[in-house]
Amino acid sequence: MQKAGCVPISDSYGIILNHMSTLKRSSNKVLKLFQEMVCVHCLNPGKDTIVKAIAGMRANRDTWRIVDLIEFLENEGVDVGFVEYESALEGCVEASRWILAGKVAVKMTGKGFIPYIRMRQSVIEGLISIGEVELASVVRQQFARLKS
């Protein structure tokens, strides 16, 4: 953007990221653009931009990149909310990435967010179906800790 003579702002990055997500562009490129936005220009993405990027990654079934994006944003101090976590969890469940879904669920509950009942049941059942009984137990204990 600076090469083109534009001063980058959060909205300009948001427009580009939303367009890239709509076109289902490479998740790597989307993640790199988020990194440039946050690290280089010290800009915070809007909630809608994050949600649309996650939706685009879900459409590409790129659940690992969704989790990478959430971890990156949290490490940089960007507020990641319930909708983003729930969307990431849904992507993991849709792709049958049960261990990743369990890890997302644990992180989610660690922040005080309770996944919807359907997601909680799917994660527990999926973990048990692949023999990850210990992780299923940890996830279930996290849900119980939040009285869900």
C-alpha atoms as a PDB file:
ATOM      1  CA  MET A   1       0.000   0.000   0.000  1.00  0.00           C
ATOM      2  CA  GLN A   2       2.780   2.391   0.844  1.00  0.00           C
ATOM      3  CA  LYS A   3       4.418   1.709  -2.523  1.00  0.00           C
ATOM      4  CA  ALA A   4       1.196   2.913  -4.143  1.00  0.00           C
ATOM      5  CA  GLY A   5       1.321   6.100  -2.099  1.00  0.00           C
ATOM      6  CA  CYS A   6      -1.470   5.152   0.303  1.00  0.00           C
ATOM      7  CA  VAL A   7      -1.266   5.440   4.054  1.00  0.00           C
ATOM      8  CA  PRO A   8      -2.625   2.145   5.365  1.00  0.00           C
ATOM      9  CA  ILE A   9      -5.535   2.288   7.762  1.00  0.00           C
ATOM     10  CA  SER A  10      -7.550  -0.464   9.348  1.00  0.00           C
ATOM     11  CA  ASP A  11     -10.465   0.040   6.963  1.00  0.00           C
ATOM     12  CA  SER A  12      -8.319  -0.286   3.841  1.00  0.00           C
ATOM     13  CA  TYR A  13      -6.863  -3.548   5.106  1.00  0.00           C
ATOM     14  CA  GLY A  14     -10.360  -4.660   6.073  1.00  0.00           C
ATOM     15  CA  ILE A  15     -11.648  -4.097   2.540  1.00  0.00           C
ATOM     16  CA  ILE A  16      -8.770  -6.080   1.032  1.00  0.00           C
ATOM     17  CA  LEU A  17      -9.074  -8.913   3.565  1.00  0.00           C
ATOM     18  CA  ASN A  18     -12.860  -9.101   3.142  1.00  0.00           C
ATOM     19  CA  HIS A  19     -12.459  -9.279  -0.634  1.00  0.00           C
ATOM     20  CA  MET A  20      -9.761 -11.955  -0.355  1.00  0.00           C
ATOM     21  CA  SER A  21     -11.958 -13.977   1.986  1.00  0.00           C
ATOM     22  CA  THR A  22     -14.957 -13.675  -0.327  1.00  0.00           C
ATOM     23  CA  LEU A  23     -12.847 -14.946  -3.221  1.00  0.00           C
ATOM     24  CA  LYS A  24     -11.545 -17.789  -1.020  1.00  0.00           C
ATOM     25  CA  ARG A  25      -7.930 -16.756  -1.574  1.00  0.00           C
ATOM     26  CA  SER A  26      -5.060 -18.675  -0.060  1.00  0.00           C
ATOM     27  CA  SER A  27      -5.218 -18.760   3.708  1.00  0.00           C
ATOM     28  CA  ASN A  28      -1.466 -18.170   3.802  1.00  0.00           C
ATOM     29  CA  LYS A  29      -1.862 -14.858   1.985  1.00  0.00           C
ATOM     30  CA  VAL A  30      -4.687 -13.810   4.283  1.00  0.00           C
ATOM     31  CA  LEU A  31      -2.609 -14.677   7.356  1.00  0.00           C
ATOM     32  CA  LYS A  32       0.404 -12.765   5.995  1.00  0.00           C
ATOM     33  CA  LEU A  33      -1.761  -9.714   5.342  1.00  0.00           C
ATOM     34  CA  PHE A  34      -3.061  -9.862   8.935  1.00  0.00           C
ATOM     35  CA  GLN A  35       0.547 -10.083  10.142  1.00  0.00           C
ATOM     36  CA  GLU A  36       1.519  -7.061   8.051  1.00  0.00           C
ATOM     37  CA  MET A  37      -1.494  -5.130   9.293  1.00  0.00           C
ATOM     38  CA  VAL A  38      -0.910  -5.856  12.972  1.00  0.00           C
ATOM     39  CA  CYS A  39       2.883  -6.111  13.244  1.00  0.00           C
ATOM     40  CA  VAL A  40       4.145  -3.645  10.665  1.00  0.00           C
ATOM     41  CA  HIS A  41       1.471  -0.953  10.788  1.00  0.00           C
ATOM     42  CA  CYS A  42       0.191  -1.494  14.365  1.00  0.00           C
ATOM     43  CA  LEU A  43      -3.432  -1.610  13.205  1.00  0.00           C
ATOM     44  CA  ASN A  44      -6.184  -3.682  14.816  1.00  0.00           C
ATOM     45  CA  PRO A  45      -8.542  -5.529  12.492  1.00  0.00           C
ATOM     46  CA  GLY A  46     -12.276  -5.126  13.002  1.00  0.00           C
ATOM     47  CA  LYS A  47     -14.388  -7.984  14.311  1.00  0.00           C
ATOM     48  CA  ASP A  48     -16.221  -8.338  10.996  1.00  0.00           C
ATOM     49  CA  THR A  49     -12.910  -8.599   9.131  1.00  0.00           C
ATOM     50  CA  ILE A  50     -11.700 -11.389  11.414  1.00  0.00           C
ATOM     51  CA  VAL A  51     -15.015 -13.252  11.150  1.00  0.00           C
ATOM     52  CA  LYS A  52     -15.033 -13.010   7.333  1.00  0.00           C
ATOM     53  CA  ALA A  53     -11.422 -14.188   7.137  1.00  0.00           C
ATOM     54  CA  ILE A  54     -12.254 -17.179   9.323  1.00  0.00           C
ATOM     55  CA  ALA A  55     -15.320 -17.915   7.175  1.00  0.00           C
ATOM     56  CA  GLY A  56     -13.143 -17.863   4.048  1.00  0.00           C
ATOM     57  CA  MET A  57     -10.660 -20.220   5.675  1.00  0.00           C
ATOM     58  CA  ARG A  58     -13.519 -22.504   6.718  1.00  0.00           C
ATOM     59  CA  ALA A  59     -14.732 -22.575   3.116  1.00  0.00           C
ATOM     60  CA  ASN A  60     -11.229 -23.703   2.119  1.00  0.00           C
ATOM     61  CA  ARG A  61     -11.332 -26.236   4.989  1.00  0.00           C
ATOM     62  CA  ASP A  62      -8.075 -24.767   6.292  1.00  0.00           C
ATOM     63  CA  THR A  63      -8.683 -25.232  10.014  1.00  0.00           C
ATOM     64  CA  TRP A  64      -5.011 -25.094  10.982  1.00  0.00           C
ATOM     65  CA  ARG A  65      -4.720 -21.586   9.567  1.00  0.00           C
ATOM     66  CA  ILE A  66      -7.833 -20.511  11.478  1.00  0.00           C
ATOM     67  CA  VAL A  67      -6.218 -21.585  14.732  1.00  0.00           C
ATOM     68  CA  ASP A  68      -2.929 -19.967  13.673  1.00  0.00           C
ATOM     69  CA  LEU A  69      -4.767 -16.709  12.977  1.00  0.00           C
ATOM     70  CA  ILE A  70      -6.515 -16.721  16.355  1.00  0.00           C
ATOM     71  CA  GLU A  71      -3.282 -17.514  18.207  1.00  0.00           C
ATOM     72  CA  PHE A  72      -1.419 -14.807  16.304  1.00  0.00           C
ATOM     73  CA  LEU A  73      -4.076 -12.180  17.018  1.00  0.00           C
ATOM     74  CA  GLU A  74      -4.187 -13.081  20.723  1.00  0.00           C
ATOM     75  CA  ASN A  75      -0.393 -12.971  21.002  1.00  0.00           C
ATOM     76  CA  GLU A  76      -0.431  -9.498  19.457  1.00  0.00           C
ATOM     77  CA  GLY A  77      -3.047  -8.270  21.924  1.00  0.00           C
ATOM     78  CA  VAL A  78      -5.991  -8.157  19.520  1.00  0.00           C
ATOM     79  CA  ASP A  79      -9.301  -9.014  21.209  1.00  0.00           C
ATOM     80  CA  VAL A  80     -10.665 -12.299  19.871  1.00  0.00           C
ATOM     81  CA  GLY A  81     -14.265 -12.886  20.886  1.00  0.00           C
ATOM     82  CA  PHE A  82     -16.814 -15.661  21.151  1.00  0.00           C
ATOM     83  CA  VAL A  83     -17.931 -15.532  17.508  1.00  0.00           C
ATOM     84  CA  GLU A  84     -14.388 -16.059  16.254  1.00  0.00           C
ATOM     85  CA  TYR A  85     -13.779 -18.993  18.586  1.00  0.00           C
ATOM     86  CA  GLU A  86     -17.139 -20.580  17.811  1.00  0.00           C
ATOM     87  CA  SER A  87     -16.495 -20.271  14.079  1.00  0.00           C
ATOM     88  CA  ALA A  88     -13.058 -21.858  14.509  1.00  0.00           C
ATOM     89  CA  LEU A  89     -14.577 -24.686  16.540  1.00  0.00           C
ATOM     90  CA  GLU A  90     -17.280 -25.243  13.912  1.00  0.00           C
ATOM     91  CA  GLY A  91     -14.587 -25.389  11.216  1.00  0.00           C
ATOM     92  CA  CYS A  92     -12.674 -28.031  13.152  1.00  0.00           C
ATOM     93  CA  VAL A  93     -15.809 -30.105  13.655  1.00  0.00           C
ATOM     94  CA  GLU A  94     -16.817 -29.791   9.973  1.00  0.00           C
ATOM     95  CA  ALA A  95     -13.361 -31.001   8.919  1.00  0.00           C
ATOM     96  CA  SER A  96     -13.377 -33.767  11.569  1.00  0.00           C
ATOM     97  CA  ARG A  97     -10.193 -32.392  13.154  1.00  0.00           C
ATOM     98  CA  TRP A  98     -11.161 -33.644  16.587  1.00  0.00           C
ATOM     99  CA  ILE A  99      -7.884 -33.073  18.431  1.00  0.00           C
ATOM    100  CA  LEU A 100      -7.669 -29.533  17.087  1.00  0.00           C
ATOM    101  CA  ALA A 101     -11.328 -29.030  18.030  1.00  0.00           C
ATOM    102  CA  GLY A 102     -10.544 -30.202  21.559  1.00  0.00           C
ATOM    103  CA  LYS A 103      -7.664 -27.747  21.833  1.00  0.00           C
ATOM    104  CA  VAL A 104      -9.825 -24.891  20.537  1.00  0.00           C
ATOM    105  CA  ALA A 105     -12.565 -25.839  23.009  1.00  0.00           C
ATOM    106  CA  VAL A 106     -10.067 -25.804  25.907  1.00  0.00           C
ATOM    107  CA  LYS A 107      -8.732 -22.386  24.836  1.00  0.00           C
ATOM    108  CA  MET A 108     -12.263 -21.114  24.409  1.00  0.00           C
ATOM    109  CA  THR A 109     -13.332 -22.190  27.878  1.00  0.00           C
ATOM    110  CA  GLY A 110     -10.094 -20.793  29.273  1.00  0.00           C
ATOM    111  CA  LYS A 111     -11.277 -17.377  28.120  1.00  0.00           C
ATOM    112  CA  GLY A 112     -14.686 -17.965  29.716  1.00  0.00           C
ATOM    113  CA  PHE A 113     -16.559 -18.717  26.480  1.00  0.00           C
ATOM    114  CA  ILE A 114     -18.952 -21.662  26.455  1.00  0.00           C
ATOM    115  CA  PRO A 115     -19.490 -23.321  23.049  1.00  0.00           C
ATOM    116  CA  TYR A 116     -23.029 -24.055  21.949  1.00  0.00           C
ATOM    117  CA  ILE A 117     -24.385 -27.391  23.168  1.00  0.00           C
ATOM    118  CA  ARG A 118     -24.249 -29.000  19.716  1.00  0.00           C
ATOM    119  CA  MET A 119     -20.558 -28.143  19.397  1.00  0.00           C
ATOM    120  CA  ARG A 120     -19.779 -29.385  22.923  1.00  0.00           C
ATOM    121  CA  GLN A 121     -21.428 -32.719  22.200  1.00  0.00           C
ATOM    122  CA  SER A 122     -19.789 -33.060  18.777  1.00  0.00           C
ATOM    123  CA  VAL A 123     -16.298 -32.388  20.145  1.00  0.00           C
ATOM    124  CA  ILE A 124     -16.664 -34.877  23.012  1.00  0.00           C
ATOM    125  CA  GLU A 125     -18.154 -37.574  20.771  1.00  0.00           C
ATOM    126  CA  GLY A 126     -15.536 -36.977  18.061  1.00  0.00           C
ATOM    127  CA  LEU A 127     -12.659 -37.233  20.510  1.00  0.00           C
ATOM    128  CA  ILE A 128     -14.043 -40.451  21.969  1.00  0.00           C
ATOM    129  CA  SER A 129     -14.592 -41.899  18.471  1.00  0.00           C
ATOM    130  CA  ILE A 130     -10.876 -41.560  17.646  1.00  0.00           C
ATOM    131  CA  GLY A 131      -9.735 -42.912  21.011  1.00  0.00           C
ATOM    132  CA  GLU A 132      -8.727 -39.593  22.592  1.00  0.00           C
ATOM    133  CA  VAL A 133     -10.523 -40.334  25.857  1.00  0.00           C
ATOM    134  CA  GLU A 134      -8.064 -38.341  27.996  1.00  0.00           C
ATOM    135  CA  LEU A 135      -8.484 -35.175  25.922  1.00  0.00           C
ATOM    136  CA  ALA A 136     -12.254 -35.708  25.904  1.00  0.00           C
ATOM    137  CA  SER A 137     -12.116 -35.897  29.696  1.00  0.00           C
ATOM    138  CA  VAL A 138     -10.100 -32.668  29.927  1.00  0.00           C
ATOM    139  CA  VAL A 139     -12.529 -30.890  27.593  1.00  0.00           C
ATOM    140  CA  ARG A 140     -15.517 -32.184  29.560  1.00  0.00           C
ATOM    141  CA  GLN A 141     -13.920 -31.000  32.829  1.00  0.00           C
ATOM    142  CA  GLN A 142     -13.391 -27.546  31.308  1.00  0.00           C
ATOM    143  CA  PHE A 143     -17.072 -27.412  30.360  1.00  0.00           C
ATOM    144  CA  ALA A 144     -18.045 -28.550  33.869  1.00  0.00           C
ATOM    145  CA  ARG A 145     -15.804 -25.886  35.412  1.00  0.00           C
ATOM    146  CA  LEU A 146     -17.883 -23.269  33.602  1.00  0.00           C
ATOM    147  CA  LYS A 147     -21.064 -25.044  34.733  1.00  0.00           C
ATOM    148  CA  SER A 148     -22.219 -25.812  31.200  1.00  0.00           C
END
